[in-house]
N, C-alpha and C. Protein backbone atom coordinates (compact mmCIF):
# COMPACT_ATOMS: atom_id res chain seq x y z
N UNK A 1 0.76 -1.10 -0.14
CA UNK A 1 0.24 -0.01 -0.10
C UNK A 1 0.81 1.27 0.24
N UNK A 2 0.68 2.34 -0.97
CA UNK A 2 1.65 3.35 -0.76
C UNK A 2 1.27 4.22 0.30
N UNK A 3 2.15 5.42 0.50
CA UNK A 3 1.84 6.02 1.74
C UNK A 3 0.95 6.91 1.47
N UNK A 4 0.18 7.41 0.26
CA UNK A 4 -0.88 8.03 0.32
C UNK A 4 -2.17 7.48 0.72
N UNK A 5 -2.13 6.00 0.33
CA UNK A 5 -3.35 5.25 0.60
C UNK A 5 -3.03 5.18 2.02
N UNK A 6 -2.14 4.83 2.76
CA UNK A 6 -2.05 4.77 4.21
C UNK A 6 -2.45 5.92 5.07
N UNK A 7 -2.00 7.06 4.32
CA UNK A 7 -2.51 8.20 4.78
C UNK A 7 -4.14 8.34 5.02
N UNK A 8 -4.60 8.19 3.68
CA UNK A 8 -5.96 8.05 3.92
C UNK A 8 -6.62 7.36 4.70
N UNK A 9 -6.09 5.82 4.58
CA UNK A 9 -6.90 4.94 5.38
C UNK A 9 -6.81 5.39 7.06
N UNK A 10 -5.57 6.15 7.38
CA UNK A 10 -5.38 6.80 8.89
C UNK A 10 -6.36 7.77 8.89
N UNK A 11 -6.95 8.75 7.89
CA UNK A 11 -7.52 9.90 8.08
C UNK A 11 -8.96 9.32 8.08
N UNK A 12 -9.45 8.22 7.50
CA UNK A 12 -10.85 7.78 7.70
C UNK A 12 -10.72 7.35 9.11
N UNK A 13 -9.91 6.48 9.56
CA UNK A 13 -10.27 5.95 11.16
C UNK A 13 -10.20 7.00 11.80
N UNK A 14 -9.55 8.42 11.67
CA UNK A 14 -9.70 9.51 12.62
C UNK A 14 -11.15 10.20 12.52
N UNK A 15 -11.72 9.89 11.24
CA UNK A 15 -13.02 10.43 11.12
C UNK A 15 -14.29 9.72 11.93
N UNK A 16 -13.89 8.33 12.08
CA UNK A 16 -14.87 7.62 12.64
C UNK A 16 -15.07 8.13 14.01
N UNK A 17 -16.37 7.78 13.96
CA UNK A 17 -17.20 8.39 15.86
C UNK A 17 -18.32 7.52 15.81
N UNK A 18 -18.63 7.13 17.18
CA UNK A 18 -19.60 6.28 17.49
C UNK A 18 -20.87 6.70 16.78
N UNK A 19 -21.69 5.77 16.36
CA UNK A 19 -23.05 6.12 15.74
C UNK A 19 -24.14 5.63 16.75
N UNK A 20 -25.28 6.31 16.92
CA UNK A 20 -26.24 6.08 17.95
C UNK A 20 -27.34 6.04 17.15
N UNK A 21 -27.91 4.80 16.90
CA UNK A 21 -29.54 4.62 16.38
C UNK A 21 -30.38 4.77 17.31
N UNK A 22 -31.23 5.70 17.15
CA UNK A 22 -31.98 6.17 18.28
C UNK A 22 -33.59 6.66 17.63
N UNK A 23 -34.39 7.13 18.45
CA UNK A 23 -35.69 7.57 18.39
C UNK A 23 -35.70 8.89 19.39
N UNK A 24 -36.01 9.88 18.91
CA UNK A 24 -35.33 11.29 19.30
C UNK A 24 -36.31 11.52 20.57
N UNK A 25 -37.66 10.89 20.47
CA UNK A 25 -38.51 11.44 21.75
C UNK A 25 -38.63 10.20 22.59
N UNK A 26 -37.61 9.42 22.56
CA UNK A 26 -37.37 8.16 23.48
C UNK A 26 -36.65 8.74 24.83
N UNK A 27 -37.21 8.47 25.83
CA UNK A 27 -36.23 8.90 26.87
C UNK A 27 -35.15 8.26 27.51
N UNK A 28 -35.10 7.06 26.81
CA UNK A 28 -33.86 6.42 27.12
C UNK A 28 -32.65 6.85 26.26
N UNK A 29 -33.13 7.33 24.95
CA UNK A 29 -32.28 8.08 24.32
C UNK A 29 -31.72 9.24 24.62
N UNK A 30 -32.69 10.04 25.01
CA UNK A 30 -32.68 11.40 25.65
C UNK A 30 -31.44 11.66 26.65
N UNK A 31 -31.24 10.63 27.62
CA UNK A 31 -30.46 10.49 28.65
C UNK A 31 -28.90 10.67 27.91
N UNK A 32 -28.74 9.99 26.71
CA UNK A 32 -27.41 10.14 26.22
C UNK A 32 -27.24 11.43 25.56
N UNK A 33 -28.42 11.89 25.23
CA UNK A 33 -28.07 13.51 24.60
C UNK A 33 -27.77 14.41 25.75
N UNK A 34 -28.56 14.16 26.83
CA UNK A 34 -28.01 14.92 28.20
C UNK A 34 -26.99 14.78 28.41
N UNK A 35 -26.10 13.57 28.62
CA UNK A 35 -24.95 13.47 28.99
C UNK A 35 -23.87 13.95 28.08
N UNK A 36 -24.03 14.00 26.70
CA UNK A 36 -23.15 14.25 25.70
C UNK A 36 -23.11 15.93 25.78
N UNK A 37 -24.63 16.59 26.10
CA UNK A 37 -24.80 18.03 26.12
C UNK A 37 -23.89 18.44 27.45
N UNK A 38 -24.16 17.94 28.35
CA UNK A 38 -23.42 18.35 29.64
C UNK A 38 -21.68 18.30 29.49
N UNK A 39 -21.53 17.51 28.72
CA UNK A 39 -19.77 17.39 28.43
C UNK A 39 -19.64 18.34 27.17
N UNK A 40 -20.48 18.97 26.52
CA UNK A 40 -20.37 19.57 25.47
C UNK A 40 -19.42 18.84 24.09
N UNK A 41 -19.69 17.87 24.27
CA UNK A 41 -19.35 16.96 23.04
C UNK A 41 -20.51 16.28 22.34
N UNK A 42 -21.70 16.88 21.87
CA UNK A 42 -22.78 16.52 21.06
C UNK A 42 -22.00 16.10 19.63
N UNK A 43 -21.03 16.58 19.32
CA UNK A 43 -20.46 16.35 18.08
C UNK A 43 -19.58 15.00 17.68
N UNK A 44 -19.24 14.63 19.19
CA UNK A 44 -18.52 13.23 19.08
C UNK A 44 -19.20 12.10 18.85
N UNK A 45 -20.55 12.27 18.69
CA UNK A 45 -21.32 11.08 18.45
C UNK A 45 -22.24 11.35 17.58
N UNK A 46 -22.47 10.24 16.43
CA UNK A 46 -23.36 10.61 15.35
C UNK A 46 -24.50 9.98 15.63
N UNK A 47 -25.90 10.68 15.43
CA UNK A 47 -27.03 10.28 15.67
C UNK A 47 -27.79 9.77 14.26
N UNK A 48 -28.43 8.60 14.20
CA UNK A 48 -29.19 8.07 13.04
C UNK A 48 -30.44 7.80 13.73
N UNK A 49 -31.30 8.83 13.38
CA UNK A 49 -33.02 8.75 13.51
C UNK A 49 -33.42 7.32 12.89
N UNK A 50 -34.09 6.37 13.79
CA UNK A 50 -34.90 5.36 13.26
C UNK A 50 -36.36 5.40 13.13
N UNK A 51 -36.91 5.56 12.27
CA UNK A 51 -38.28 5.66 11.74
C UNK A 51 -39.36 4.74 12.51
N UNK A 52 -39.90 5.06 13.42
CA UNK A 52 -40.93 4.12 14.25
C UNK A 52 -42.03 3.73 13.78
N UNK A 53 -42.15 4.46 12.50
CA UNK A 53 -43.68 4.07 11.74
C UNK A 53 -43.52 2.91 10.80
N UNK A 54 -41.95 2.34 10.69
CA UNK A 54 -41.69 1.38 9.81
C UNK A 54 -41.25 0.31 10.45
N UNK A 55 -41.40 -0.97 9.97
CA UNK A 55 -40.64 -2.15 10.51
C UNK A 55 -38.95 -1.79 10.45
N UNK A 56 -38.11 -2.33 11.53
CA UNK A 56 -36.76 -1.80 11.58
C UNK A 56 -35.91 -2.60 10.52
N UNK A 57 -35.27 -1.71 9.92
CA UNK A 57 -34.56 -2.41 8.56
C UNK A 57 -33.73 -3.47 8.72
N UNK A 58 -33.38 -4.09 7.73
CA UNK A 58 -32.84 -5.37 7.71
C UNK A 58 -31.41 -5.14 8.36
N UNK A 59 -30.82 -4.04 7.68
CA UNK A 59 -29.32 -3.59 7.86
C UNK A 59 -29.05 -3.34 9.38
N UNK A 60 -30.33 -2.73 10.27
CA UNK A 60 -29.97 -2.43 11.60
C UNK A 60 -30.23 -3.73 12.39
N UNK A 61 -31.23 -4.67 11.91
CA UNK A 61 -31.46 -5.77 12.64
C UNK A 61 -30.29 -6.60 12.74
N UNK A 62 -29.52 -6.53 11.68
CA UNK A 62 -28.49 -7.35 11.56
C UNK A 62 -27.44 -6.74 12.45
N UNK A 63 -27.33 -5.63 12.52
CA UNK A 63 -26.42 -5.09 13.61
C UNK A 63 -26.62 -5.43 14.93
N UNK A 64 -28.07 -5.48 15.10
CA UNK A 64 -28.29 -5.65 16.68
C UNK A 64 -28.78 -7.29 16.77
N UNK A 65 -28.58 -7.99 15.89
CA UNK A 65 -28.62 -9.33 16.26
C UNK A 65 -30.29 -9.65 16.30
N UNK A 66 -31.13 -8.98 15.97
CA UNK A 66 -32.57 -9.33 15.66
C UNK A 66 -33.30 -8.52 16.74
N UNK A 67 -32.84 -7.68 17.69
CA UNK A 67 -33.27 -7.23 18.57
C UNK A 67 -33.77 -5.73 18.05
N UNK A 68 -34.88 -5.17 18.67
CA UNK A 68 -35.53 -3.93 18.12
C UNK A 68 -35.23 -2.72 18.92
N UNK A 69 -34.90 -3.11 20.22
CA UNK A 69 -35.06 -2.13 21.33
C UNK A 69 -33.84 -1.05 20.88
N UNK A 70 -34.33 0.24 21.19
CA UNK A 70 -33.25 1.25 20.95
C UNK A 70 -33.21 2.45 22.07
N UNK A 71 -32.18 2.87 22.36
CA UNK A 71 -30.89 3.20 21.48
C UNK A 71 -30.01 1.71 21.31
N UNK A 72 -29.14 2.00 20.65
CA UNK A 72 -28.05 1.11 20.22
C UNK A 72 -27.12 1.92 19.80
N UNK A 73 -25.70 1.65 20.21
CA UNK A 73 -24.74 2.39 19.55
C UNK A 73 -23.52 1.33 19.28
N UNK A 74 -23.03 1.97 17.63
CA UNK A 74 -22.08 1.30 17.15
C UNK A 74 -20.67 1.93 17.57
N UNK A 75 -19.96 1.23 17.79
CA UNK A 75 -18.57 1.87 18.31
C UNK A 75 -17.64 2.01 16.94
N UNK A 76 -16.45 2.66 16.95
CA UNK A 76 -15.94 3.27 16.19
C UNK A 76 -15.52 2.34 15.12
N UNK A 77 -15.46 1.02 15.91
CA UNK A 77 -14.90 -0.33 15.10
C UNK A 77 -15.94 -1.08 14.78
N UNK A 78 -17.00 -0.50 15.04
CA UNK A 78 -18.20 -1.45 14.50
C UNK A 78 -18.94 -2.56 15.41
N UNK A 79 -18.48 -2.69 16.65
CA UNK A 79 -19.25 -3.17 17.60
C UNK A 79 -20.47 -2.55 18.21
N UNK A 80 -21.44 -3.57 18.62
CA UNK A 80 -22.70 -2.72 18.90
C UNK A 80 -22.99 -2.81 20.42
N UNK A 81 -23.41 -1.94 21.11
CA UNK A 81 -23.74 -1.77 22.59
C UNK A 81 -25.28 -1.56 22.53
N UNK A 82 -25.71 -2.00 23.80
CA UNK A 82 -27.17 -1.72 23.81
C UNK A 82 -27.45 -1.48 25.28
N UNK A 83 -28.75 -1.14 25.40
CA UNK A 83 -29.38 -0.65 26.92
C UNK A 83 -28.66 0.92 27.10
N UNK A 84 -29.78 1.55 27.46
CA UNK A 84 -29.23 2.85 27.85
C UNK A 84 -28.17 3.09 28.95
N UNK A 85 -28.44 2.28 30.10
CA UNK A 85 -27.48 2.57 30.95
C UNK A 85 -26.13 2.21 30.81
N UNK A 86 -26.15 0.90 30.11
CA UNK A 86 -24.72 0.53 29.49
C UNK A 86 -23.71 1.56 28.44
N UNK A 87 -24.93 2.04 27.58
CA UNK A 87 -24.06 3.16 26.82
C UNK A 87 -23.77 4.23 27.51
N UNK A 88 -24.72 4.76 28.21
CA UNK A 88 -24.52 5.95 29.31
C UNK A 88 -23.09 5.77 29.91
N UNK A 89 -22.82 4.54 30.48
CA UNK A 89 -21.44 4.55 31.06
C UNK A 89 -20.41 4.24 30.26
N UNK A 90 -20.51 3.73 28.97
CA UNK A 90 -19.63 3.59 28.17
C UNK A 90 -19.14 5.12 27.70
N UNK A 91 -20.24 6.04 27.39
CA UNK A 91 -19.77 7.28 26.91
C UNK A 91 -19.00 7.83 27.84
N UNK A 92 -19.34 7.64 29.12
CA UNK A 92 -18.58 8.52 30.36
C UNK A 92 -17.37 7.99 30.30
N UNK A 93 -17.25 6.74 30.30
CA UNK A 93 -15.69 6.42 30.32
C UNK A 93 -14.98 6.73 28.92
N UNK A 94 -15.66 6.75 27.80
CA UNK A 94 -14.75 7.14 26.44
C UNK A 94 -14.36 8.48 26.61
N UNK A 95 -15.41 9.39 26.97
CA UNK A 95 -15.12 10.87 27.00
C UNK A 95 -14.84 11.07 28.46
N UNK A 96 -13.96 10.96 29.37
CA UNK A 96 -13.95 11.23 30.59
C UNK A 96 -13.87 12.74 31.05
N UNK A 97 -13.42 13.39 30.17
CA UNK A 97 -13.64 14.90 30.56
C UNK A 97 -14.84 15.69 29.53
N UNK A 98 -15.16 16.57 30.24
CA UNK A 98 -15.71 16.65 31.76
C UNK A 98 -16.23 15.55 32.47
N UNK A 99 -16.01 15.25 33.59
CA UNK A 99 -16.76 14.03 34.21
C UNK A 99 -18.24 14.71 34.64
N UNK A 100 -19.12 13.50 34.29
CA UNK A 100 -20.56 13.48 34.71
C UNK A 100 -20.80 13.07 36.01
N UNK A 101 -20.19 11.77 35.87
CA UNK A 101 -20.40 10.91 37.09
C UNK A 101 -19.34 11.29 38.34
N UNK A 102 -19.87 10.98 39.64
CA UNK A 102 -18.98 11.37 40.34
C UNK A 102 -17.59 10.57 40.47
N UNK A 103 -16.44 11.14 40.88
CA UNK A 103 -15.17 10.44 41.04
C UNK A 103 -14.91 10.01 42.28
N UNK A 104 -15.20 10.43 43.30
CA UNK A 104 -15.06 9.84 44.48
C UNK A 104 -15.70 8.40 44.73
N UNK A 105 -15.07 7.58 45.03
CA UNK A 105 -15.43 6.10 45.12
C UNK A 105 -17.05 6.30 46.14
N UNK A 106 -16.94 6.81 47.17
CA UNK A 106 -18.35 6.99 48.04
C UNK A 106 -19.41 7.73 47.41
N UNK A 107 -18.92 8.72 46.89
CA UNK A 107 -19.84 9.59 46.05
C UNK A 107 -20.66 8.89 44.94
N UNK A 108 -19.69 8.33 44.01
CA UNK A 108 -20.15 7.42 43.06
C UNK A 108 -21.10 6.17 43.63
N UNK A 109 -20.72 5.58 44.65
CA UNK A 109 -21.73 4.49 45.10
C UNK A 109 -22.98 4.97 45.35
N UNK A 110 -23.17 6.22 46.11
CA UNK A 110 -24.34 6.90 46.49
C UNK A 110 -25.12 7.09 44.84
N UNK A 111 -24.30 7.75 44.07
CA UNK A 111 -25.01 7.80 42.70
C UNK A 111 -25.69 6.72 42.27
N UNK A 112 -24.77 5.63 42.46
CA UNK A 112 -25.31 4.29 41.77
C UNK A 112 -26.31 3.87 42.49
N UNK A 113 -26.46 4.00 43.78
CA UNK A 113 -27.75 3.53 44.69
C UNK A 113 -28.99 4.31 43.91
N UNK A 114 -28.95 5.62 43.95
CA UNK A 114 -30.03 6.23 43.14
C UNK A 114 -30.31 5.92 42.00
N UNK A 115 -29.42 5.89 41.16
CA UNK A 115 -29.73 5.47 39.71
C UNK A 115 -30.18 4.00 39.55
N UNK A 116 -29.86 2.79 40.63
CA UNK A 116 -30.71 1.79 41.03
C UNK A 116 -32.01 1.77 41.16
N UNK A 117 -32.28 3.16 41.72
CA UNK A 117 -33.88 3.11 41.89
C UNK A 117 -34.91 3.28 40.52
N UNK A 118 -34.01 3.66 39.80
CA UNK A 118 -34.81 4.00 38.12
C UNK A 118 -35.59 2.86 37.75
N UNK A 119 -35.11 1.74 37.93
CA UNK A 119 -35.96 0.50 37.25
C UNK A 119 -37.46 0.53 37.72
N UNK A 120 -37.81 0.74 39.29
CA UNK A 120 -38.85 0.39 39.68
C UNK A 120 -39.87 1.69 39.57
N UNK A 121 -38.96 2.93 39.55
CA UNK A 121 -39.76 3.95 39.14
C UNK A 121 -40.30 4.04 37.78
N UNK A 122 -39.67 3.65 36.60
CA UNK A 122 -39.91 3.83 35.33
C UNK A 122 -41.07 2.49 35.29
N UNK A 123 -40.88 1.34 35.93
CA UNK A 123 -41.68 0.41 35.59
C UNK A 123 -43.04 0.94 36.29
N UNK A 124 -43.26 1.42 37.42
CA UNK A 124 -44.33 1.90 38.02
C UNK A 124 -44.94 3.09 37.08
N UNK A 125 -44.35 3.78 36.56
CA UNK A 125 -44.92 5.30 35.93
C UNK A 125 -45.44 4.36 34.54
N UNK A 126 -44.83 3.55 33.89
CA UNK A 126 -45.59 3.24 32.55
C UNK A 126 -46.64 2.32 32.86
N UNK A 127 -46.58 1.51 34.17
CA UNK A 127 -47.87 0.90 34.30
C UNK A 127 -49.21 1.81 34.53
N UNK A 128 -48.71 3.04 35.23
CA UNK A 128 -49.85 3.90 35.39
C UNK A 128 -50.29 4.93 34.12
N UNK A 129 -49.36 4.97 33.35
CA UNK A 129 -49.59 5.53 31.95
C UNK A 129 -50.08 4.67 30.92
N UNK A 130 -50.17 3.36 31.24
CA UNK A 130 -50.85 2.45 30.28
C UNK A 130 -52.13 1.81 30.69
N UNK A 131 -52.57 2.20 32.19
CA UNK A 131 -53.67 1.48 32.50
C UNK A 131 -54.67 2.03 32.03
N UNK A 132 -55.76 1.01 31.76
CA UNK A 132 -57.03 1.23 31.16
C UNK A 132 -58.09 0.86 32.05
N UNK A 133 -57.89 0.55 33.20
CA UNK A 133 -58.82 0.01 34.14
C UNK A 133 -59.15 0.94 35.35
N UNK A 134 -60.14 1.61 35.28
CA UNK A 134 -60.62 2.80 36.16
C UNK A 134 -60.51 2.28 37.51
N UNK A 135 -61.01 1.05 37.79
CA UNK A 135 -60.99 0.40 38.98
C UNK A 135 -59.61 0.57 39.83
N UNK A 136 -58.25 0.83 38.88
CA UNK A 136 -56.82 0.65 39.30
C UNK A 136 -56.20 1.75 39.22
N UNK A 137 -57.27 2.86 39.10
CA UNK A 137 -56.57 4.29 39.15
C UNK A 137 -55.77 4.61 40.52
N UNK A 138 -56.68 4.43 41.51
CA UNK A 138 -56.16 4.93 42.71
C UNK A 138 -54.82 4.01 43.11
N UNK A 139 -54.74 2.69 42.82
CA UNK A 139 -53.75 1.80 43.08
C UNK A 139 -52.39 2.40 42.61
N UNK A 140 -52.78 2.65 41.16
CA UNK A 140 -51.53 2.98 40.48
C UNK A 140 -50.99 4.46 41.02
N UNK A 141 -52.10 5.35 41.32
CA UNK A 141 -51.71 6.76 42.02
C UNK A 141 -50.66 6.56 43.06
N UNK A 142 -50.97 5.77 44.17
CA UNK A 142 -50.52 5.20 45.51
C UNK A 142 -49.32 5.11 45.03
N UNK A 143 -48.89 3.87 43.76
CA UNK A 143 -47.60 3.51 43.83
C UNK A 143 -46.58 4.32 43.34
N UNK A 144 -47.34 5.44 42.43
CA UNK A 144 -46.45 6.46 42.03
C UNK A 144 -46.32 7.28 43.08
N UNK A 145 -46.88 7.55 43.82
CA UNK A 145 -46.60 8.59 44.78
C UNK A 145 -45.39 8.08 45.69
N UNK A 146 -45.63 6.88 46.02
CA UNK A 146 -44.29 6.05 46.72
C UNK A 146 -43.22 6.25 46.22
N UNK A 147 -43.01 5.95 44.96
CA UNK A 147 -42.21 6.02 44.32
C UNK A 147 -41.28 7.46 44.31
N UNK A 148 -41.98 8.19 44.21
CA UNK A 148 -41.68 10.02 44.12
C UNK A 148 -41.18 10.26 45.65
N UNK A 149 -41.83 9.51 46.92
CA UNK A 149 -41.63 9.69 48.22
C UNK A 149 -40.13 8.94 48.48
N UNK A 150 -39.88 7.93 47.53
CA UNK A 150 -38.62 7.16 48.07
C UNK A 150 -37.43 7.88 47.45
N UNK A 151 -37.49 8.58 46.34
CA UNK A 151 -36.70 9.53 45.54
C UNK A 151 -36.19 10.60 46.51
N UNK A 152 -37.50 11.34 46.99
CA UNK A 152 -37.28 12.69 47.89
C UNK A 152 -36.63 11.98 49.27
N UNK A 153 -36.83 11.08 49.77
CA UNK A 153 -36.31 10.70 51.17
C UNK A 153 -34.89 10.32 50.77
N UNK A 154 -34.51 9.88 49.85
CA UNK A 154 -32.86 9.66 49.27
C UNK A 154 -32.58 11.02 49.06
N UNK A 155 -33.01 11.82 48.30
CA UNK A 155 -32.31 13.29 48.27
C UNK A 155 -32.36 13.86 49.41
N UNK A 156 -33.00 13.99 50.61
CA UNK A 156 -33.11 14.57 51.57
C UNK A 156 -31.73 14.01 52.69
N UNK A 157 -32.03 12.72 52.46
CA UNK A 157 -30.72 11.87 53.47
C UNK A 157 -29.29 12.53 52.83
N UNK A 158 -29.02 12.71 51.57
CA UNK A 158 -27.77 12.70 51.10
C UNK A 158 -27.14 14.33 50.61
N UNK A 159 -28.27 15.16 50.43
CA UNK A 159 -28.33 16.57 50.31
C UNK A 159 -29.42 17.28 50.75
N UNK A 160 -29.81 17.64 51.79
CA UNK A 160 -31.11 18.04 52.42
C UNK A 160 -31.24 19.30 51.93
N UNK A 161 -30.42 20.09 52.09
CA UNK A 161 -30.35 21.69 51.39
C UNK A 161 -30.28 21.77 50.28
N UNK A 162 -30.12 20.92 49.55
CA UNK A 162 -29.73 21.27 47.75
C UNK A 162 -30.55 20.77 46.85
N UNK A 163 -30.72 21.32 45.52
CA UNK A 163 -31.59 20.81 44.65
C UNK A 163 -31.25 19.35 43.80
N UNK A 164 -29.90 19.36 43.97
CA UNK A 164 -29.73 17.56 43.37
C UNK A 164 -29.08 16.76 44.01
N UNK A 165 -28.53 15.78 43.72
CA UNK A 165 -28.10 14.89 44.47
C UNK A 165 -26.93 15.17 45.22
N UNK A 166 -25.80 16.00 44.30
CA UNK A 166 -24.73 16.40 44.97
C UNK A 166 -24.63 18.07 44.53
N UNK A 167 -23.67 18.83 44.29
CA UNK A 167 -23.68 20.15 44.12
C UNK A 167 -24.45 20.50 42.83
N UNK A 168 -24.31 19.71 41.83
CA UNK A 168 -24.62 20.24 40.52
C UNK A 168 -25.54 18.97 39.80
N UNK A 169 -26.26 19.26 38.75
CA UNK A 169 -26.62 18.51 37.95
C UNK A 169 -25.74 17.40 37.39
N UNK A 170 -26.03 16.28 37.53
CA UNK A 170 -24.91 15.06 37.12
C UNK A 170 -25.44 13.82 36.59
N UNK A 171 -25.18 12.76 37.00
CA UNK A 171 -25.21 11.54 36.42
C UNK A 171 -26.75 11.11 36.93
N UNK A 172 -27.04 10.97 38.27
CA UNK A 172 -28.13 10.58 38.57
C UNK A 172 -29.55 11.64 37.98
N UNK A 173 -29.09 12.90 37.91
CA UNK A 173 -30.24 13.75 37.19
C UNK A 173 -30.32 13.39 35.64
N UNK A 174 -29.16 12.91 34.87
CA UNK A 174 -29.06 12.60 33.55
C UNK A 174 -29.96 11.30 33.71
N UNK A 175 -30.02 10.29 34.51
CA UNK A 175 -30.61 9.17 34.39
C UNK A 175 -32.18 9.48 34.46
N UNK A 176 -32.58 10.42 35.61
CA UNK A 176 -34.22 10.55 35.72
C UNK A 176 -34.90 11.44 35.01
N UNK A 177 -34.04 12.49 34.83
CA UNK A 177 -34.82 13.77 34.23
C UNK A 177 -35.77 13.33 33.13
N UNK A 178 -35.26 12.45 31.80
CA UNK A 178 -36.02 12.21 30.90
C UNK A 178 -37.45 11.41 31.35
N UNK A 179 -37.28 10.61 32.40
CA UNK A 179 -38.49 10.08 32.90
C UNK A 179 -39.16 10.82 33.51
N UNK A 180 -38.90 11.82 34.35
CA UNK A 180 -39.70 12.94 35.15
C UNK A 180 -40.77 13.49 33.65
N UNK A 181 -39.92 13.90 32.66
CA UNK A 181 -40.58 14.50 31.83
C UNK A 181 -41.62 13.67 30.98
N UNK A 182 -41.50 12.17 31.07
CA UNK A 182 -42.39 11.70 30.26
C UNK A 182 -43.45 11.41 31.07
N UNK A 183 -43.30 11.15 32.14
CA UNK A 183 -44.57 11.09 33.06
C UNK A 183 -45.15 12.27 33.56
N UNK A 184 -44.73 13.53 33.01
CA UNK A 184 -45.72 14.34 32.90
C UNK A 184 -47.08 14.31 32.20
N UNK A 185 -47.09 13.04 31.28
CA UNK A 185 -48.36 12.83 30.80
C UNK A 185 -49.50 12.43 31.80
N UNK A 186 -49.14 12.24 32.98
CA UNK A 186 -49.82 11.75 34.06
C UNK A 186 -50.76 12.59 34.71
N UNK A 187 -50.02 14.07 34.76
CA UNK A 187 -50.83 15.20 35.06
C UNK A 187 -51.99 15.27 33.92
N UNK A 188 -51.65 14.98 32.66
CA UNK A 188 -52.88 15.31 31.74
C UNK A 188 -53.73 14.31 31.71
N UNK A 189 -53.38 13.25 31.69
CA UNK A 189 -54.49 11.90 31.75
C UNK A 189 -55.15 11.66 32.88
N UNK A 190 -54.39 11.63 34.12
CA UNK A 190 -54.80 11.06 35.30
C UNK A 190 -54.84 12.32 36.45
N UNK A 191 -54.82 13.50 36.03
CA UNK A 191 -54.84 14.62 36.93
C UNK A 191 -53.86 14.15 38.11
N UNK A 192 -52.68 13.90 37.54
CA UNK A 192 -51.59 13.59 38.72
C UNK A 192 -51.22 14.68 39.16
N UNK A 193 -50.85 14.52 40.42
CA UNK A 193 -49.87 15.79 40.75
C UNK A 193 -49.25 15.61 42.15
N UNK A 194 -47.90 15.97 42.44
CA UNK A 194 -47.44 15.95 43.75
C UNK A 194 -48.22 16.52 44.91
N UNK A 195 -48.31 16.12 46.18
CA UNK A 195 -48.94 16.96 47.27
C UNK A 195 -48.15 18.07 47.54
N UNK A 196 -48.58 19.02 48.03
CA UNK A 196 -47.48 20.16 48.64
C UNK A 196 -47.19 19.92 49.94
N UNK A 197 -46.30 18.82 50.11
CA UNK A 197 -46.15 18.50 51.55
C UNK A 197 -44.51 18.18 51.51
N UNK A 198 -43.89 18.26 52.58
CA UNK A 198 -42.41 17.85 52.80
C UNK A 198 -41.95 16.56 52.02
N UNK A 199 -42.90 15.53 52.13
CA UNK A 199 -42.33 14.34 51.79
C UNK A 199 -41.99 14.28 50.50
N UNK A 200 -42.52 15.20 49.59
CA UNK A 200 -42.55 15.39 48.06
C UNK A 200 -41.98 16.45 47.52
N UNK A 201 -41.04 17.41 48.45
CA UNK A 201 -40.62 18.67 48.24
C UNK A 201 -39.49 18.44 47.52
């Protein structure tokens, strides 16, 4: 291979960036956009919008080994990562500066404990949003209030006078914010609102 061809190959390698296959309105995809925005690195990942009105294209199914869940990230060398929390951690490690996740081991563990609460919160929220049984509305409302109360209790324990888990909007907020936004639907469809009480402050 000539030196010119080698240089072109090197240039092409340098130009490769991770590619995110995503649905823009999806809260799991929005987490990743928030992380990159906090880092000021939106241009370091390419975003490929997937049309949700059509079946997944064969070329994408080939990359994801037949799974349809998004987002999915294709690394610079063509490997595929799935699950938003996995991709979130990968991007944090790939682009460590500026850090969004806490660096001190204890603070990072606290951050991890709050992030681990996300699964139950999201599951309860989607059950409430999707519920069509009027006889279960109060049940789902109570469940949602319990989830918000758990989050509030955790925040009060670790940062009683602050707005965020720590000093600034960070990893835990990146994980939860798109979900808070998604569940605004509950206010419209279910007249759901948090009580004006200390337990939900």
